[in-house]
Amino acid sequence: MFKVLIAEDEMLVRLGLKNSIAWENYEMTVIADAVNGLEAWLLYQELQPDLVLTDLNMPIMHGMELISKIREHDQKTRIVILTC
């Protein structure tokens, strides 16, 4: 089962992603969601997800900084960038 972390500051988008996709049909599970890049980074370190869905424009730490930190630590985690 692939572990998914969602990093999105917009509550409706975050909840929509989390609840409107039948993750189990794709052998995935959402293990956590974060409201900013710093929270996502801390969750990433703790939970080691296989996939990170991240917004670019978030408070405290933006998505590109989050991606850079993840890549410094790990080249295998898959990352999908979301932005409006």
PDB file of N, CA and C in Angstrom:
ATOM      1  N   MET A   1       0.854  -1.173   0.000  1.00  0.00           N
ATOM      2  CA  MET A   1       0.000   0.000   0.000  1.00  0.00           C
ATOM      3  C   MET A   1       0.899   1.235   0.000  1.00  0.00           C
ATOM      4  N   PHE A   2       0.712   2.121  -0.983  1.00  0.00           N
ATOM      5  CA  PHE A   2       1.461   3.372  -1.058  1.00  0.00           C
ATOM      6  C   PHE A   2       0.911   4.366  -0.043  1.00  0.00           C
ATOM      7  N   LYS A   3       1.818   5.002   0.690  1.00  0.00           N
ATOM      8  CA  LYS A   3       1.435   6.008   1.679  1.00  0.00           C
ATOM      9  C   LYS A   3       1.483   7.385   1.036  1.00  0.00           C
ATOM     10  N   VAL A   4       0.407   8.172   1.215  1.00  0.00           N
ATOM     11  CA  VAL A   4       0.266   9.481   0.580  1.00  0.00           C
ATOM     12  C   VAL A   4       0.182  10.568   1.647  1.00  0.00           C
ATOM     13  N   LEU A   5       0.923  11.657   1.413  1.00  0.00           N
ATOM     14  CA  LEU A   5       0.862  12.852   2.241  1.00  0.00           C
ATOM     15  C   LEU A   5       0.364  13.993   1.373  1.00  0.00           C
ATOM     16  N   ILE A   6      -0.666  14.703   1.836  1.00  0.00           N
ATOM     17  CA  ILE A   6      -1.220  15.848   1.102  1.00  0.00           C
ATOM     18  C   ILE A   6      -0.818  17.125   1.827  1.00  0.00           C
ATOM     19  N   ALA A   7      -0.181  18.050   1.111  1.00  0.00           N
ATOM     20  CA  ALA A   7       0.202  19.353   1.664  1.00  0.00           C
ATOM     21  C   ALA A   7      -0.531  20.436   0.871  1.00  0.00           C
ATOM     22  N   GLU A   8      -1.523  21.038   1.490  1.00  0.00           N
ATOM     23  CA  GLU A   8      -2.375  22.021   0.823  1.00  0.00           C
ATOM     24  C   GLU A   8      -2.972  22.942   1.882  1.00  0.00           C
ATOM     25  N   ASP A   9      -2.809  24.250   1.700  1.00  0.00           N
ATOM     26  CA  ASP A   9      -3.310  25.185   2.709  1.00  0.00           C
ATOM     27  C   ASP A   9      -4.800  25.473   2.583  1.00  0.00           C
ATOM     28  N   GLU A  10      -5.384  25.236   1.433  1.00  0.00           N
ATOM     29  CA  GLU A  10      -6.810  25.465   1.238  1.00  0.00           C
ATOM     30  C   GLU A  10      -7.594  24.249   1.749  1.00  0.00           C
ATOM     31  N   MET A  11      -8.371  24.458   2.793  1.00  0.00           N
ATOM     32  CA  MET A  11      -9.067  23.359   3.446  1.00  0.00           C
ATOM     33  C   MET A  11      -9.966  22.572   2.494  1.00  0.00           C
ATOM     34  N   LEU A  12     -10.747  23.270   1.665  1.00  0.00           N
ATOM     35  CA  LEU A  12     -11.670  22.557   0.771  1.00  0.00           C
ATOM     36  C   LEU A  12     -10.933  21.715  -0.258  1.00  0.00           C
ATOM     37  N   VAL A  13      -9.827  22.219  -0.756  1.00  0.00           N
ATOM     38  CA  VAL A  13      -9.031  21.443  -1.718  1.00  0.00           C
ATOM     39  C   VAL A  13      -8.429  20.227  -1.033  1.00  0.00           C
ATOM     40  N   ARG A  14      -7.877  20.448   0.158  1.00  0.00           N
ATOM     41  CA  ARG A  14      -7.265  19.355   0.923  1.00  0.00           C
ATOM     42  C   ARG A  14      -8.293  18.258   1.220  1.00  0.00           C
ATOM     43  N   LEU A  15      -9.445  18.653   1.729  1.00  0.00           N
ATOM     44  CA  LEU A  15     -10.489  17.667   2.036  1.00  0.00           C
ATOM     45  C   LEU A  15     -11.023  17.013   0.773  1.00  0.00           C
ATOM     46  N   GLY A  16     -11.142  17.799  -0.301  1.00  0.00           N
ATOM     47  CA  GLY A  16     -11.603  17.235  -1.564  1.00  0.00           C
ATOM     48  C   GLY A  16     -10.673  16.157  -2.083  1.00  0.00           C
ATOM     49  N   LEU A  17      -9.387  16.430  -2.050  1.00  0.00           N
ATOM     50  CA  LEU A  17      -8.411  15.425  -2.490  1.00  0.00           C
ATOM     51  C   LEU A  17      -8.462  14.183  -1.609  1.00  0.00           C
ATOM     52  N   LYS A  18      -8.558  14.426  -0.335  1.00  0.00           N
ATOM     53  CA  LYS A  18      -8.544  13.322   0.620  1.00  0.00           C
ATOM     54  C   LYS A  18      -9.783  12.439   0.499  1.00  0.00           C
ATOM     55  N   ASN A  19     -10.943  13.051   0.259  1.00  0.00           N
ATOM     56  CA  ASN A  19     -12.201  12.310   0.325  1.00  0.00           C
ATOM     57  C   ASN A  19     -12.847  11.963  -1.019  1.00  0.00           C
ATOM     58  N   SER A  20     -12.446  12.606  -2.095  1.00  0.00           N
ATOM     59  CA  SER A  20     -13.128  12.352  -3.368  1.00  0.00           C
ATOM     60  C   SER A  20     -12.428  11.298  -4.228  1.00  0.00           C
ATOM     61  N   ILE A  21     -11.250  10.900  -3.822  1.00  0.00           N
ATOM     62  CA  ILE A  21     -10.517   9.881  -4.572  1.00  0.00           C
ATOM     63  C   ILE A  21     -10.613   8.558  -3.810  1.00  0.00           C
ATOM     64  N   ALA A  22     -10.930   7.502  -4.527  1.00  0.00           N
ATOM     65  CA  ALA A  22     -10.984   6.168  -3.912  1.00  0.00           C
ATOM     66  C   ALA A  22      -9.558   5.625  -3.856  1.00  0.00           C
ATOM     67  N   TRP A  23      -8.784   6.127  -2.912  1.00  0.00           N
ATOM     68  CA  TRP A  23      -7.365   5.804  -2.810  1.00  0.00           C
ATOM     69  C   TRP A  23      -7.099   4.300  -2.774  1.00  0.00           C
ATOM     70  N   GLU A  24      -7.958   3.574  -2.081  1.00  0.00           N
ATOM     71  CA  GLU A  24      -7.742   2.132  -1.946  1.00  0.00           C
ATOM     72  C   GLU A  24      -7.820   1.407  -3.288  1.00  0.00           C
ATOM     73  N   ASN A  25      -8.557   1.974  -4.252  1.00  0.00           N
ATOM     74  CA  ASN A  25      -8.623   1.378  -5.589  1.00  0.00           C
ATOM     75  C   ASN A  25      -7.269   1.418  -6.298  1.00  0.00           C
ATOM     76  N   TYR A  26      -6.391   2.300  -5.856  1.00  0.00           N
ATOM     77  CA  TYR A  26      -5.065   2.463  -6.448  1.00  0.00           C
ATOM     78  C   TYR A  26      -3.968   1.947  -5.514  1.00  0.00           C
ATOM     79  N   GLU A  27      -4.391   1.174  -4.518  1.00  0.00           N
ATOM     80  CA  GLU A  27      -3.487   0.624  -3.520  1.00  0.00           C
ATOM     81  C   GLU A  27      -2.717   1.726  -2.803  1.00  0.00           C
ATOM     82  N   MET A  28      -3.444   2.794  -2.443  1.00  0.00           N
ATOM     83  CA  MET A  28      -2.878   3.938  -1.731  1.00  0.00           C
ATOM     84  C   MET A  28      -3.738   4.261  -0.526  1.00  0.00           C
ATOM     85  N   THR A  29      -3.119   4.907   0.458  1.00  0.00           N
ATOM     86  CA  THR A  29      -3.845   5.402   1.614  1.00  0.00           C
ATOM     87  C   THR A  29      -3.265   6.752   2.018  1.00  0.00           C
ATOM     88  N   VAL A  30      -4.126   7.699   2.333  1.00  0.00           N
ATOM     89  CA  VAL A  30      -3.677   9.006   2.799  1.00  0.00           C
ATOM     90  C   VAL A  30      -3.339   8.862   4.282  1.00  0.00           C
ATOM     91  N   ILE A  31      -2.064   9.020   4.596  1.00  0.00           N
ATOM     92  CA  ILE A  31      -1.616   8.832   5.977  1.00  0.00           C
ATOM     93  C   ILE A  31      -1.640  10.134   6.771  1.00  0.00           C
ATOM     94  N   ALA A  32      -1.642  11.279   6.064  1.00  0.00           N
ATOM     95  CA  ALA A  32      -1.669  12.567   6.761  1.00  0.00           C
ATOM     96  C   ALA A  32      -1.925  13.671   5.754  1.00  0.00           C
ATOM     97  N   ASP A  33      -2.390  14.811   6.291  1.00  0.00           N
ATOM     98  CA  ASP A  33      -2.496  16.009   5.471  1.00  0.00           C
ATOM     99  C   ASP A  33      -1.987  17.184   6.286  1.00  0.00           C
ATOM    100  N   ALA A  34      -1.390  18.154   5.587  1.00  0.00           N
ATOM    101  CA  ALA A  34      -0.748  19.295   6.240  1.00  0.00           C
ATOM    102  C   ALA A  34      -1.275  20.596   5.660  1.00  0.00           C
ATOM    103  N   VAL A  35      -1.320  21.629   6.502  1.00  0.00           N
ATOM    104  CA  VAL A  35      -1.837  22.936   6.077  1.00  0.00           C
ATOM    105  C   VAL A  35      -0.739  23.885   5.622  1.00  0.00           C
ATOM    106  N   ASN A  36       0.524  23.490   5.781  1.00  0.00           N
ATOM    107  CA  ASN A  36       1.627  24.322   5.292  1.00  0.00           C
ATOM    108  C   ASN A  36       2.850  23.435   5.053  1.00  0.00           C
ATOM    109  N   GLY A  37       3.846  24.013   4.418  1.00  0.00           N
ATOM    110  CA  GLY A  37       5.032  23.242   4.061  1.00  0.00           C
ATOM    111  C   GLY A  37       5.831  22.745   5.244  1.00  0.00           C
ATOM    112  N   LEU A  38       5.913  23.551   6.299  1.00  0.00           N
ATOM    113  CA  LEU A  38       6.661  23.117   7.481  1.00  0.00           C
ATOM    114  C   LEU A  38       6.004  21.906   8.133  1.00  0.00           C
ATOM    115  N   GLU A  39       4.692  21.967   8.286  1.00  0.00           N
ATOM    116  CA  GLU A  39       3.975  20.817   8.849  1.00  0.00           C
ATOM    117  C   GLU A  39       4.167  19.586   7.967  1.00  0.00           C
ATOM    118  N   ALA A  40       4.114  19.785   6.649  1.00  0.00           N
ATOM    119  CA  ALA A  40       4.315  18.672   5.716  1.00  0.00           C
ATOM    120  C   ALA A  40       5.712  18.087   5.868  1.00  0.00           C
ATOM    121  N   TRP A  41       6.723  18.946   6.021  1.00  0.00           N
ATOM    122  CA  TRP A  41       8.096  18.474   6.180  1.00  0.00           C
ATOM    123  C   TRP A  41       8.245  17.640   7.454  1.00  0.00           C
ATOM    124  N   LEU A  42       7.665  18.107   8.545  1.00  0.00           N
ATOM    125  CA  LEU A  42       7.735  17.364   9.801  1.00  0.00           C
ATOM    126  C   LEU A  42       7.014  16.015   9.683  1.00  0.00           C
ATOM    127  N   LEU A  43       5.855  16.016   9.031  1.00  0.00           N
ATOM    128  CA  LEU A  43       5.129  14.761   8.819  1.00  0.00           C
ATOM    129  C   LEU A  43       5.893  13.823   7.888  1.00  0.00           C
ATOM    130  N   TYR A  44       6.503  14.400   6.853  1.00  0.00           N
ATOM    131  CA  TYR A  44       7.303  13.597   5.926  1.00  0.00           C
ATOM    132  C   TYR A  44       8.411  12.857   6.675  1.00  0.00           C
ATOM    133  N   GLN A  45       9.131  13.577   7.530  1.00  0.00           N
ATOM    134  CA  GLN A  45      10.238  12.971   8.279  1.00  0.00           C
ATOM    135  C   GLN A  45       9.756  11.850   9.192  1.00  0.00           C
ATOM    136  N   GLU A  46       8.602  12.055   9.774  1.00  0.00           N
ATOM    137  CA  GLU A  46       8.055  11.065  10.712  1.00  0.00           C
ATOM    138  C   GLU A  46       7.471   9.850  10.005  1.00  0.00           C
ATOM    139  N   LEU A  47       6.719  10.080   8.925  1.00  0.00           N
ATOM    140  CA  LEU A  47       5.917   9.022   8.314  1.00  0.00           C
ATOM    141  C   LEU A  47       6.511   8.402   7.048  1.00  0.00           C
ATOM    142  N   GLN A  48       7.468   9.071   6.420  1.00  0.00           N
ATOM    143  CA  GLN A  48       8.116   8.565   5.205  1.00  0.00           C
ATOM    144  C   GLN A  48       7.115   8.120   4.129  1.00  0.00           C
ATOM    145  N   PRO A  49       6.293   9.049   3.611  1.00  0.00           N
ATOM    146  CA  PRO A  49       5.320   8.668   2.583  1.00  0.00           C
ATOM    147  C   PRO A  49       6.003   8.298   1.263  1.00  0.00           C
ATOM    148  N   ASP A  50       5.281   7.550   0.448  1.00  0.00           N
ATOM    149  CA  ASP A  50       5.769   7.184  -0.881  1.00  0.00           C
ATOM    150  C   ASP A  50       5.434   8.258  -1.907  1.00  0.00           C
ATOM    151  N   LEU A  51       4.365   9.018  -1.644  1.00  0.00           N
ATOM    152  CA  LEU A  51       3.881  10.041  -2.561  1.00  0.00           C
ATOM    153  C   LEU A  51       3.516  11.282  -1.761  1.00  0.00           C
ATOM    154  N   VAL A  52       3.960  12.441  -2.248  1.00  0.00           N
ATOM    155  CA  VAL A  52       3.586  13.722  -1.642  1.00  0.00           C
ATOM    156  C   VAL A  52       2.861  14.538  -2.692  1.00  0.00           C
ATOM    157  N   LEU A  53       1.634  14.950  -2.381  1.00  0.00           N
ATOM    158  CA  LEU A  53       0.890  15.897  -3.208  1.00  0.00           C
ATOM    159  C   LEU A  53       1.052  17.252  -2.531  1.00  0.00           C
ATOM    160  N   THR A  54       1.647  18.221  -3.214  1.00  0.00           N
ATOM    161  CA  THR A  54       1.906  19.500  -2.573  1.00  0.00           C
ATOM    162  C   THR A  54       1.478  20.679  -3.430  1.00  0.00           C
ATOM    163  N   ASP A  55       0.941  21.664  -2.762  1.00  0.00           N
ATOM    164  CA  ASP A  55       0.665  22.954  -3.370  1.00  0.00           C
ATOM    165  C   ASP A  55       1.981  23.711  -3.439  1.00  0.00           C
ATOM    166  N   LEU A  56       2.081  24.695  -4.328  1.00  0.00           N
ATOM    167  CA  LEU A  56       3.279  25.526  -4.380  1.00  0.00           C
ATOM    168  C   LEU A  56       3.185  26.704  -3.423  1.00  0.00           C
ATOM    169  N   ASN A  57       2.028  27.339  -3.381  1.00  0.00           N
ATOM    170  CA  ASN A  57       1.852  28.540  -2.562  1.00  0.00           C
ATOM    171  C   ASN A  57       1.191  28.191  -1.241  1.00  0.00           C
ATOM    172  N   MET A  58       2.036  28.057  -0.206  1.00  0.00           N
ATOM    173  CA  MET A  58       1.550  27.755   1.139  1.00  0.00           C
ATOM    174  C   MET A  58       2.272  28.662   2.121  1.00  0.00           C
ATOM    175  N   PRO A  59       1.663  28.901   3.264  1.00  0.00           N
ATOM    176  CA  PRO A  59       2.340  29.721   4.277  1.00  0.00           C
ATOM    177  C   PRO A  59       3.487  28.962   4.956  1.00  0.00           C
ATOM    178  N   ILE A  60       4.339  29.709   5.599  1.00  0.00           N
ATOM    179  CA  ILE A  60       5.465  29.246   6.409  1.00  0.00           C
ATOM    180  C   ILE A  60       6.573  28.628   5.555  1.00  0.00           C
ATOM    181  N   MET A  61       6.266  27.612   4.762  1.00  0.00           N
ATOM    182  CA  MET A  61       7.235  27.030   3.832  1.00  0.00           C
ATOM    183  C   MET A  61       6.488  26.699   2.548  1.00  0.00           C
ATOM    184  N   HIS A  62       6.936  27.266   1.437  1.00  0.00           N
ATOM    185  CA  HIS A  62       6.239  27.013   0.167  1.00  0.00           C
ATOM    186  C   HIS A  62       6.626  25.650  -0.397  1.00  0.00           C
ATOM    187  N   GLY A  63       5.884  25.233  -1.400  1.00  0.00           N
ATOM    188  CA  GLY A  63       6.030  23.891  -1.949  1.00  0.00           C
ATOM    189  C   GLY A  63       7.393  23.590  -2.538  1.00  0.00           C
ATOM    190  N   MET A  64       8.027  24.565  -3.196  1.00  0.00           N
ATOM    191  CA  MET A  64       9.341  24.321  -3.789  1.00  0.00           C
ATOM    192  C   MET A  64      10.394  24.080  -2.708  1.00  0.00           C
ATOM    193  N   GLU A  65      10.282  24.780  -1.592  1.00  0.00           N
ATOM    194  CA  GLU A  65      11.210  24.541  -0.493  1.00  0.00           C
ATOM    195  C   GLU A  65      10.984  23.143   0.099  1.00  0.00           C
ATOM    196  N   LEU A  66       9.727  22.764   0.235  1.00  0.00           N
ATOM    197  CA  LEU A  66       9.401  21.414   0.711  1.00  0.00           C
ATOM    198  C   LEU A  66       9.992  20.365  -0.219  1.00  0.00           C
ATOM    199  N   ILE A  67       9.817  20.548  -1.509  1.00  0.00           N
ATOM    200  CA  ILE A  67      10.352  19.598  -2.488  1.00  0.00           C
ATOM    201  C   ILE A  67      11.876  19.512  -2.375  1.00  0.00           C
ATOM    202  N   SER A  68      12.536  20.652  -2.233  1.00  0.00           N
ATOM    203  CA  SER A  68      14.002  20.665  -2.097  1.00  0.00           C
ATOM    204  C   SER A  68      14.452  19.888  -0.869  1.00  0.00           C
ATOM    205  N   LYS A  69      13.763  20.082   0.239  1.00  0.00           N
ATOM    206  CA  LYS A  69      14.115  19.365   1.468  1.00  0.00           C
ATOM    207  C   LYS A  69      13.906  17.859   1.302  1.00  0.00           C
ATOM    208  N   ILE A  70      12.797  17.492   0.671  1.00  0.00           N
ATOM    209  CA  ILE A  70      12.541  16.069   0.437  1.00  0.00           C
ATOM    210  C   ILE A  70      13.626  15.477  -0.452  1.00  0.00           C
ATOM    211  N   ARG A  71      13.993  16.183  -1.512  1.00  0.00           N
ATOM    212  CA  ARG A  71      15.002  15.672  -2.440  1.00  0.00           C
ATOM    213  C   ARG A  71      16.391  15.586  -1.810  1.00  0.00           C
ATOM    214  N   GLU A  72      16.702  16.460  -0.881  1.00  0.00           N
ATOM    215  CA  GLU A  72      17.979  16.370  -0.161  1.00  0.00           C
ATOM    216  C   GLU A  72      18.028  15.075   0.655  1.00  0.00           C
ATOM    217  N   HIS A  73      16.872  14.661   1.136  1.00  0.00           N
ATOM    218  CA  HIS A  73      16.769  13.489   2.002  1.00  0.00           C
ATOM    219  C   HIS A  73      16.538  12.202   1.210  1.00  0.00           C
ATOM    220  N   ASP A  74      15.799  12.294   0.102  1.00  0.00           N
ATOM    221  CA  ASP A  74      15.314  11.093  -0.576  1.00  0.00           C
ATOM    222  C   ASP A  74      15.013  11.401  -2.039  1.00  0.00           C
ATOM    223  N   GLN A  75      15.510  10.573  -2.921  1.00  0.00           N
ATOM    224  CA  GLN A  75      15.259  10.726  -4.360  1.00  0.00           C
ATOM    225  C   GLN A  75      14.103   9.846  -4.844  1.00  0.00           C
ATOM    226  N   LYS A  76      13.624   8.937  -4.002  1.00  0.00           N
ATOM    227  CA  LYS A  76      12.624   7.963  -4.443  1.00  0.00           C
ATOM    228  C   LYS A  76      11.189   8.397  -4.232  1.00  0.00           C
ATOM    229  N   THR A  77      10.944   9.269  -3.254  1.00  0.00           N
ATOM    230  CA  THR A  77       9.579   9.712  -2.995  1.00  0.00           C
ATOM    231  C   THR A  77       9.025  10.400  -4.234  1.00  0.00           C
ATOM    232  N   ARG A  78       7.842  10.011  -4.622  1.00  0.00           N
ATOM    233  CA  ARG A  78       7.208  10.641  -5.777  1.00  0.00           C
ATOM    234  C   ARG A  78       6.492  11.904  -5.306  1.00  0.00           C
ATOM    235  N   ILE A  79       6.558  12.945  -6.151  1.00  0.00           N
ATOM    236  CA  ILE A  79       5.977  14.231  -5.799  1.00  0.00           C
ATOM    237  C   ILE A  79       5.091  14.715  -6.933  1.00  0.00           C
ATOM    238  N   VAL A  80       3.870  15.124  -6.574  1.00  0.00           N
ATOM    239  CA  VAL A  80       2.950  15.732  -7.529  1.00  0.00           C
ATOM    240  C   VAL A  80       2.697  17.158  -7.056  1.00  0.00           C
ATOM    241  N   ILE A  81       2.879  18.128  -7.959  1.00  0.00           N
ATOM    242  CA  ILE A  81       2.684  19.528  -7.612  1.00  0.00           C
ATOM    243  C   ILE A  81       1.272  19.950  -8.016  1.00  0.00           C
ATOM    244  N   LEU A  82       0.582  20.563  -7.057  1.00  0.00           N
ATOM    245  CA  LEU A  82      -0.754  21.107  -7.286  1.00  0.00           C
ATOM    246  C   LEU A  82      -0.659  22.621  -7.149  1.00  0.00           C
ATOM    247  N   THR A  83      -1.323  23.355  -8.006  1.00  0.00           N
ATOM    248  CA  THR A  83      -1.378  24.803  -7.822  1.00  0.00           C
ATOM    249  C   THR A  83      -2.578  25.352  -8.570  1.00  0.00           C
ATOM    250  N   CYS A  84      -3.148  26.384  -8.009  1.00  0.00           N
ATOM    251  CA  CYS A  84      -4.275  27.035  -8.670  1.00  0.00           C
ATOM    252  C   CYS A  84      -3.742  28.280  -9.329  1.00  0.00           C
TER     253      CYS A  84
END
